[in-house]
Amino acid sequence: MRPLGRLLILAALLILAFSVSEAWGEEGKTALQFRSEAAAAGEFITLNNLAELPPDLAQKYGQALIWSAPPPGQFFTLTREFLTYRLTQMGLGGLVQDANFPPAIQVRQNGIVLNSEEIAAAYRTYVQQQNPWPASELRVQVLPLEEQVLLPDSQFKLEVLPPKGQERFLGEVALEMAVLKDGRLLKKFRVNGKVTLEQTVVCASRPLGPQTVIGPKDVHLSRRDVTNLSQRDIFTTEKQVIGHILTKGMGPQEILTSRHLDHKPIIKRGEEVTVVLDQNGLEISTKGITREDGYLGRTVRVRNTKSKKEFQAEVVDAKTVKVTL
């Protein structure tokens, strides 16, 4: 081998030896003191939790993950043999050459568990904000988490991450939440819940058969679960359905929907009807001819048989329309 080649190899070996000495030599001579009892804050046990590290070593190696932290209220026992093996496995064997190890270290969990009520409040607030209905009409049930959310301390911010592609926040609703500290993400977890929409709607007061003309005693208002019903199908006042004809029977307390009603016109175009004129409670009647098909509760064009003038009137039943002056 040429002299120049030998010099280069020797120089490389000297640099490598110096680097190792710099990284481990002085640190290896430092007699680290390991605690017999330790507390871990968070999900993992770190080297900082187990040993009294000088500032320089704490900065370099203090966050090395030794093992998972025990559940809150429980202890893990880490033996001297396990710690020696684990640190060597991680490439930190130089730190334990002169270390003072107890026979075993008892490690407890020193973090805090995220309050379930705080999680439920965040879930409920987000769902209420996303729904068009008032909070008084929404029932929100938050299901317990499968695992507790453990945090190092109480200085954090809880946020709901907007779900992608979800437009309807009713029924089974899953939300992802994030725990932040100083703008840094600590943890994400999933929260499941059930959101129910309850409204006061028209229901049958008694059994009603097909072709029944609905009267005032046939229906009543009741607060019911309408989560799976379209808002276009339900009725919120008895006036909306009285006089309508049922196309199919109904049981007592059943919610009356538009699918129960006959949507055919109850007055045909060209039929003669009684026109009731109501002025401050004083009613007079006259005759008229409908100019179009009439549907219950809606307005229809009517022509006075005497004056030949046309006007709009509300359809009351199959023979009557009403004009309120």
Protein backbone atom coordinates (compact mmCIF):
# COMPACT_ATOMS: atom_id res chain seq x y z
CA MET A 1 0.00 0.00 0.00
CA ARG A 2 1.33 3.43 -0.87
CA PRO A 3 2.34 5.78 2.01
CA LEU A 4 -0.32 8.32 1.03
CA GLY A 5 -3.08 5.66 1.25
CA ARG A 6 -1.88 4.59 4.67
CA LEU A 7 -1.96 8.17 5.91
CA LEU A 8 -5.52 8.67 4.69
CA ILE A 9 -6.77 5.49 6.43
CA LEU A 10 -4.99 6.49 9.66
CA ALA A 11 -6.55 9.96 9.50
CA ALA A 12 -10.02 8.46 9.02
CA LEU A 13 -9.56 6.13 12.00
CA LEU A 14 -8.41 9.02 14.18
CA ILE A 15 -11.46 11.09 13.21
CA LEU A 16 -13.82 8.18 13.96
CA ALA A 17 -12.17 7.50 17.31
CA PHE A 18 -12.37 11.17 18.25
CA SER A 19 -16.06 11.29 17.30
CA VAL A 20 -16.88 8.24 19.42
CA SER A 21 -14.87 9.61 22.30
CA GLU A 22 -16.63 12.95 22.02
CA ALA A 23 -20.06 11.31 21.97
CA TRP A 24 -19.49 8.63 24.61
CA GLY A 25 -16.14 9.09 26.34
CA GLU A 26 -16.91 11.90 28.70
CA GLU A 27 -20.57 10.89 29.00
CA GLY A 28 -19.61 7.31 29.77
CA LYS A 29 -17.46 8.55 32.68
CA THR A 30 -20.47 10.42 34.09
CA ALA A 31 -22.02 8.22 36.79
CA LEU A 32 -25.70 8.51 35.99
CA GLN A 33 -28.07 8.12 38.92
CA PHE A 34 -31.24 6.16 38.10
CA ARG A 35 -34.27 6.60 40.38
CA SER A 36 -35.92 3.71 42.19
CA GLU A 37 -39.31 5.37 41.61
CA ALA A 38 -40.29 7.41 38.57
CA ALA A 39 -43.30 9.11 37.02
CA ALA A 40 -44.08 9.25 33.31
CA ALA A 41 -46.18 12.03 31.82
CA GLY A 42 -47.87 10.93 28.62
CA GLU A 43 -47.92 7.67 26.72
CA PHE A 44 -44.24 6.74 26.98
CA ILE A 45 -41.49 6.36 29.56
CA THR A 46 -38.44 8.43 28.57
CA LEU A 47 -34.88 8.43 29.81
CA ASN A 48 -35.55 11.79 31.50
CA ASN A 49 -38.23 10.09 33.60
CA LEU A 50 -35.83 7.41 34.88
CA ALA A 51 -32.48 9.16 35.50
CA GLU A 52 -30.95 12.36 36.82
CA LEU A 53 -29.37 13.59 33.60
CA PRO A 54 -26.97 16.52 33.29
CA PRO A 55 -28.36 19.32 31.09
CA ASP A 56 -26.30 18.35 28.05
CA LEU A 57 -27.34 14.69 28.21
CA ALA A 58 -30.93 15.61 28.97
CA GLN A 59 -31.01 17.66 25.79
CA LYS A 60 -29.40 14.96 23.64
CA TYR A 61 -30.94 11.76 24.99
CA GLY A 62 -33.59 12.71 27.53
CA GLN A 63 -36.53 12.09 25.18
CA ALA A 64 -35.37 8.58 24.21
CA LEU A 65 -38.40 6.29 24.46
CA ILE A 66 -37.71 3.43 26.84
CA TRP A 67 -41.13 1.78 26.99
CA SER A 68 -44.87 2.45 26.99
CA ALA A 69 -46.21 4.17 30.11
CA PRO A 70 -48.56 2.24 32.41
CA PRO A 71 -52.28 3.06 32.53
CA PRO A 72 -53.29 5.74 35.05
CA GLY A 73 -53.26 4.37 38.58
CA GLN A 74 -51.00 1.40 37.71
CA PHE A 75 -47.25 0.71 37.93
CA PHE A 76 -44.70 -0.87 35.64
CA THR A 77 -41.51 -2.45 37.04
CA LEU A 78 -38.38 -2.00 34.93
CA THR A 79 -35.47 -4.20 36.06
CA ARG A 80 -31.79 -3.30 35.89
CA GLU A 81 -31.20 -6.05 33.31
CA PHE A 82 -34.04 -4.82 31.12
CA LEU A 83 -32.84 -1.20 31.18
CA THR A 84 -29.27 -2.20 30.36
CA TYR A 85 -30.47 -4.31 27.46
CA ARG A 86 -32.90 -1.65 26.23
CA LEU A 87 -30.39 1.23 26.31
CA THR A 88 -27.75 -0.90 24.59
CA GLN A 89 -30.30 -1.90 21.96
CA MET A 90 -30.99 1.78 21.32
CA GLY A 91 -27.29 2.54 20.87
CA LEU A 92 -26.98 4.26 24.27
CA GLY A 93 -24.86 1.59 25.95
CA GLY A 94 -22.13 4.15 26.65
CA LEU A 95 -24.45 5.93 29.05
CA VAL A 96 -24.82 2.94 31.37
CA GLN A 97 -21.21 1.84 31.77
CA ASP A 98 -20.77 3.59 35.13
CA ALA A 99 -24.46 4.22 35.88
CA ASN A 100 -25.90 3.63 39.31
CA PHE A 101 -28.91 1.31 38.79
CA PRO A 102 -31.32 0.18 41.50
CA PRO A 103 -32.42 -3.45 41.17
CA ALA A 104 -35.71 -2.23 39.69
CA ILE A 105 -37.56 1.02 38.97
CA GLN A 106 -41.25 1.41 39.77
CA VAL A 107 -42.82 3.70 37.13
CA ARG A 108 -46.27 5.24 37.53
CA GLN A 109 -48.35 7.30 35.14
CA ASN A 110 -48.24 10.97 36.04
CA GLY A 111 -50.39 12.40 33.25
CA ILE A 112 -54.02 13.49 33.38
CA VAL A 113 -56.99 11.84 31.75
CA LEU A 114 -58.99 14.06 29.40
CA ASN A 115 -62.35 14.69 31.03
CA SER A 116 -65.19 12.86 29.28
CA GLU A 117 -67.55 15.77 30.02
CA GLU A 118 -65.20 18.14 28.19
CA ILE A 119 -65.14 15.79 25.19
CA ALA A 120 -68.96 15.53 25.22
CA ALA A 121 -69.33 19.33 25.46
CA ALA A 122 -67.06 19.87 22.44
CA TYR A 123 -68.93 17.21 20.46
CA ARG A 124 -72.35 18.62 21.39
CA THR A 125 -71.38 22.22 20.58
CA TYR A 126 -69.99 21.28 17.15
CA VAL A 127 -73.06 19.21 16.22
CA GLN A 128 -75.41 22.00 17.28
CA GLN A 129 -73.47 24.54 15.21
CA GLN A 130 -73.59 22.34 12.12
CA ASN A 131 -77.34 21.67 12.28
CA PRO A 132 -79.97 24.15 11.04
CA TRP A 133 -82.35 23.28 13.89
CA PRO A 134 -82.30 24.92 17.34
CA ALA A 135 -80.43 23.14 20.10
CA SER A 136 -83.71 22.57 21.95
CA GLU A 137 -84.80 20.17 19.18
CA LEU A 138 -81.58 18.12 19.17
CA ARG A 139 -80.76 15.28 21.52
CA VAL A 140 -77.05 14.47 21.48
CA GLN A 141 -75.74 11.25 23.03
CA VAL A 142 -71.94 10.88 23.16
CA LEU A 143 -70.72 7.30 23.44
CA PRO A 144 -67.83 6.44 25.84
CA LEU A 145 -64.36 6.28 24.34
CA GLU A 146 -62.79 2.86 23.84
CA GLU A 147 -59.60 4.11 25.51
CA GLN A 148 -58.89 7.02 27.82
CA VAL A 149 -57.07 10.02 26.37
CA LEU A 150 -53.97 10.66 28.45
CA LEU A 151 -52.21 14.04 28.44
CA PRO A 152 -49.01 15.27 30.09
CA ASP A 153 -50.71 18.26 31.75
CA SER A 154 -53.83 20.42 31.71
CA GLN A 155 -52.44 23.06 29.36
CA PHE A 156 -54.09 22.09 26.08
CA LYS A 157 -56.77 23.05 23.55
CA LEU A 158 -59.42 20.64 22.30
CA GLU A 159 -60.68 21.06 18.73
CA VAL A 160 -63.06 19.16 16.45
CA LEU A 161 -61.59 18.44 13.01
CA PRO A 162 -64.14 19.16 10.24
CA PRO A 163 -65.21 15.83 8.72
CA LYS A 164 -64.77 15.48 4.98
CA GLY A 165 -67.84 14.93 2.85
CA GLN A 166 -70.34 14.87 5.72
CA GLU A 167 -73.34 17.13 5.20
CA ARG A 168 -75.94 15.67 7.55
CA PHE A 169 -75.17 15.66 11.27
CA LEU A 170 -78.07 13.44 12.33
CA GLY A 171 -78.19 9.79 13.31
CA GLU A 172 -74.84 8.05 13.86
CA VAL A 173 -72.19 10.79 13.77
CA ALA A 174 -68.44 10.15 14.17
CA LEU A 175 -66.12 13.11 14.76
CA GLU A 176 -62.34 13.29 15.00
CA MET A 177 -60.92 15.51 17.72
CA ALA A 178 -57.43 16.90 18.17
CA VAL A 179 -55.58 17.91 21.33
CA LEU A 180 -53.25 20.86 20.74
CA LYS A 181 -50.64 22.53 22.91
CA ASP A 182 -49.03 25.76 21.78
CA GLY A 183 -50.31 25.01 18.27
CA ARG A 184 -48.63 21.58 18.24
CA LEU A 185 -50.67 18.41 17.80
CA LEU A 186 -50.45 16.11 20.82
CA LYS A 187 -53.06 13.54 19.96
CA LYS A 188 -56.02 12.74 17.71
CA PHE A 189 -58.91 10.47 18.63
CA ARG A 190 -62.35 9.48 17.36
CA VAL A 191 -65.62 10.23 19.14
CA ASN A 192 -68.84 8.43 18.24
CA GLY A 193 -72.31 9.66 19.09
CA LYS A 194 -75.96 9.63 18.15
CA VAL A 195 -77.86 12.79 17.23
CA THR A 196 -81.66 12.74 17.31
CA LEU A 197 -84.01 15.41 15.97
CA GLU A 198 -87.19 15.83 18.01
CA GLN A 199 -90.00 18.15 16.91
CA THR A 200 -93.63 18.80 17.74
CA VAL A 201 -95.58 17.26 14.86
CA VAL A 202 -99.08 16.14 13.95
CA CYS A 203 -99.97 12.59 15.04
CA ALA A 204 -103.11 10.46 14.84
CA SER A 205 -105.23 10.56 17.99
CA ARG A 206 -106.99 7.27 17.21
CA PRO A 207 -107.02 4.57 14.52
CA LEU A 208 -107.95 6.10 11.17
CA GLY A 209 -108.98 4.13 8.12
CA PRO A 210 -108.33 4.83 4.44
CA GLN A 211 -110.47 7.55 2.84
CA THR A 212 -111.06 9.21 6.22
CA VAL A 213 -111.57 12.95 6.00
CA ILE A 214 -109.38 14.23 8.82
CA GLY A 215 -111.25 16.19 11.48
CA PRO A 216 -110.08 18.17 14.55
CA LYS A 217 -110.55 15.19 16.89
CA ASP A 218 -108.54 12.85 14.67
CA VAL A 219 -105.16 14.47 15.22
CA HIS A 220 -103.08 16.15 17.91
CA LEU A 221 -99.60 17.61 18.36
CA SER A 222 -96.87 15.56 20.03
CA ARG A 223 -93.09 15.83 20.40
CA ARG A 224 -91.59 12.94 18.45
CA ASP A 225 -88.36 11.65 16.92
CA VAL A 226 -88.29 12.77 13.26
CA THR A 227 -84.61 12.06 12.57
CA ASN A 228 -85.36 9.77 9.64
CA LEU A 229 -88.20 11.87 8.18
CA SER A 230 -87.92 14.61 5.59
CA GLN A 231 -88.98 18.06 6.74
CA ARG A 232 -91.19 18.26 3.65
CA ASP A 233 -93.19 15.24 4.79
CA ILE A 234 -94.18 16.28 8.31
CA PHE A 235 -96.77 18.76 9.60
CA THR A 236 -96.42 21.09 12.58
CA THR A 237 -100.01 22.37 12.92
CA GLU A 238 -103.37 20.56 12.81
CA LYS A 239 -104.66 23.15 10.35
CA GLN A 240 -102.30 21.79 7.70
CA VAL A 241 -104.11 18.42 7.59
CA ILE A 242 -107.72 18.94 8.74
CA GLY A 243 -110.05 18.30 5.83
CA HIS A 244 -107.52 16.19 3.94
CA ILE A 245 -108.33 12.62 2.93
CA LEU A 246 -106.17 9.69 4.00
CA THR A 247 -104.99 7.29 1.32
CA LYS A 248 -104.02 4.63 3.87
CA GLY A 249 -104.92 3.79 7.43
CA MET A 250 -103.04 5.02 10.51
CA GLY A 251 -102.55 3.67 14.01
CA PRO A 252 -102.93 5.77 17.18
CA GLN A 253 -99.94 8.05 17.93
CA GLU A 254 -98.53 7.46 14.44
CA ILE A 255 -96.86 10.50 12.88
CA LEU A 256 -98.94 11.82 10.01
CA THR A 257 -96.87 12.57 6.90
CA SER A 258 -97.61 13.77 3.40
CA ARG A 259 -97.43 10.14 2.24
CA HIS A 260 -100.61 9.42 4.19
CA LEU A 261 -102.61 12.05 2.30
CA ASP A 262 -104.45 12.05 -0.97
CA HIS A 263 -102.88 14.79 -3.07
CA LYS A 264 -105.58 14.89 -5.68
CA PRO A 265 -107.47 18.19 -6.00
CA ILE A 266 -110.65 18.24 -3.93
CA ILE A 267 -112.24 20.86 -6.20
CA LYS A 268 -112.21 20.56 -9.98
CA ARG A 269 -111.95 23.46 -12.36
CA GLY A 270 -115.39 24.84 -13.32
CA GLU A 271 -117.17 23.58 -10.19
CA GLU A 272 -119.58 25.82 -8.32
CA VAL A 273 -118.49 26.53 -4.72
CA THR A 274 -119.72 28.53 -1.77
CA VAL A 275 -117.58 31.61 -1.21
CA VAL A 276 -117.41 32.72 2.44
CA LEU A 277 -116.41 36.37 2.90
CA ASP A 278 -114.92 36.99 6.36
CA GLN A 279 -114.52 40.56 7.54
CA ASN A 280 -113.48 40.89 11.19
CA GLY A 281 -115.42 37.78 12.12
CA LEU A 282 -118.55 38.76 10.19
CA GLU A 283 -119.22 36.20 7.48
CA ILE A 284 -121.45 36.37 4.42
CA SER A 285 -121.78 33.81 1.63
CA THR A 286 -122.08 33.97 -2.11
CA LYS A 287 -121.50 31.67 -5.08
CA GLY A 288 -118.54 31.33 -7.39
CA ILE A 289 -117.02 29.14 -10.11
CA THR A 290 -113.48 27.79 -9.75
CA ARG A 291 -111.10 28.71 -12.55
CA GLU A 292 -108.58 25.95 -11.74
CA ASP A 293 -108.22 22.79 -9.67
CA GLY A 294 -108.25 23.47 -5.94
CA TYR A 295 -106.22 21.76 -3.19
CA LEU A 296 -107.07 21.83 0.48
CA GLY A 297 -105.43 24.68 2.36
CA ARG A 298 -104.18 26.39 -0.79
CA THR A 299 -105.54 29.31 -2.75
CA VAL A 300 -107.56 28.91 -5.92
CA ARG A 301 -108.82 31.38 -8.53
CA VAL A 302 -112.58 31.87 -8.30
CA ARG A 303 -115.02 33.95 -10.43
CA ASN A 304 -118.06 35.56 -8.85
CA THR A 305 -121.19 34.28 -10.67
CA LYS A 306 -122.90 37.68 -10.43
CA SER A 307 -120.14 40.28 -10.89
CA LYS A 308 -117.95 38.03 -13.08
CA LYS A 309 -114.89 39.31 -11.18
CA GLU A 310 -112.06 36.91 -10.36
CA PHE A 311 -110.29 36.68 -6.99
CA GLN A 312 -108.14 34.34 -4.89
CA ALA A 313 -109.73 32.24 -2.13
CA GLU A 314 -108.50 29.55 0.25
CA VAL A 315 -109.91 26.06 -0.22
CA VAL A 316 -111.71 25.04 2.99
CA ASP A 317 -113.31 21.79 1.81
CA ALA A 318 -114.70 20.18 -1.35
CA LYS A 319 -117.54 22.74 -1.59
CA THR A 320 -116.25 25.85 0.20
CA VAL A 321 -113.63 28.51 -0.30
CA LYS A 322 -112.91 31.47 1.96
CA VAL A 323 -111.82 35.06 1.46
CA THR A 324 -110.58 37.01 4.47
CA LEU A 325 -111.05 40.75 4.01
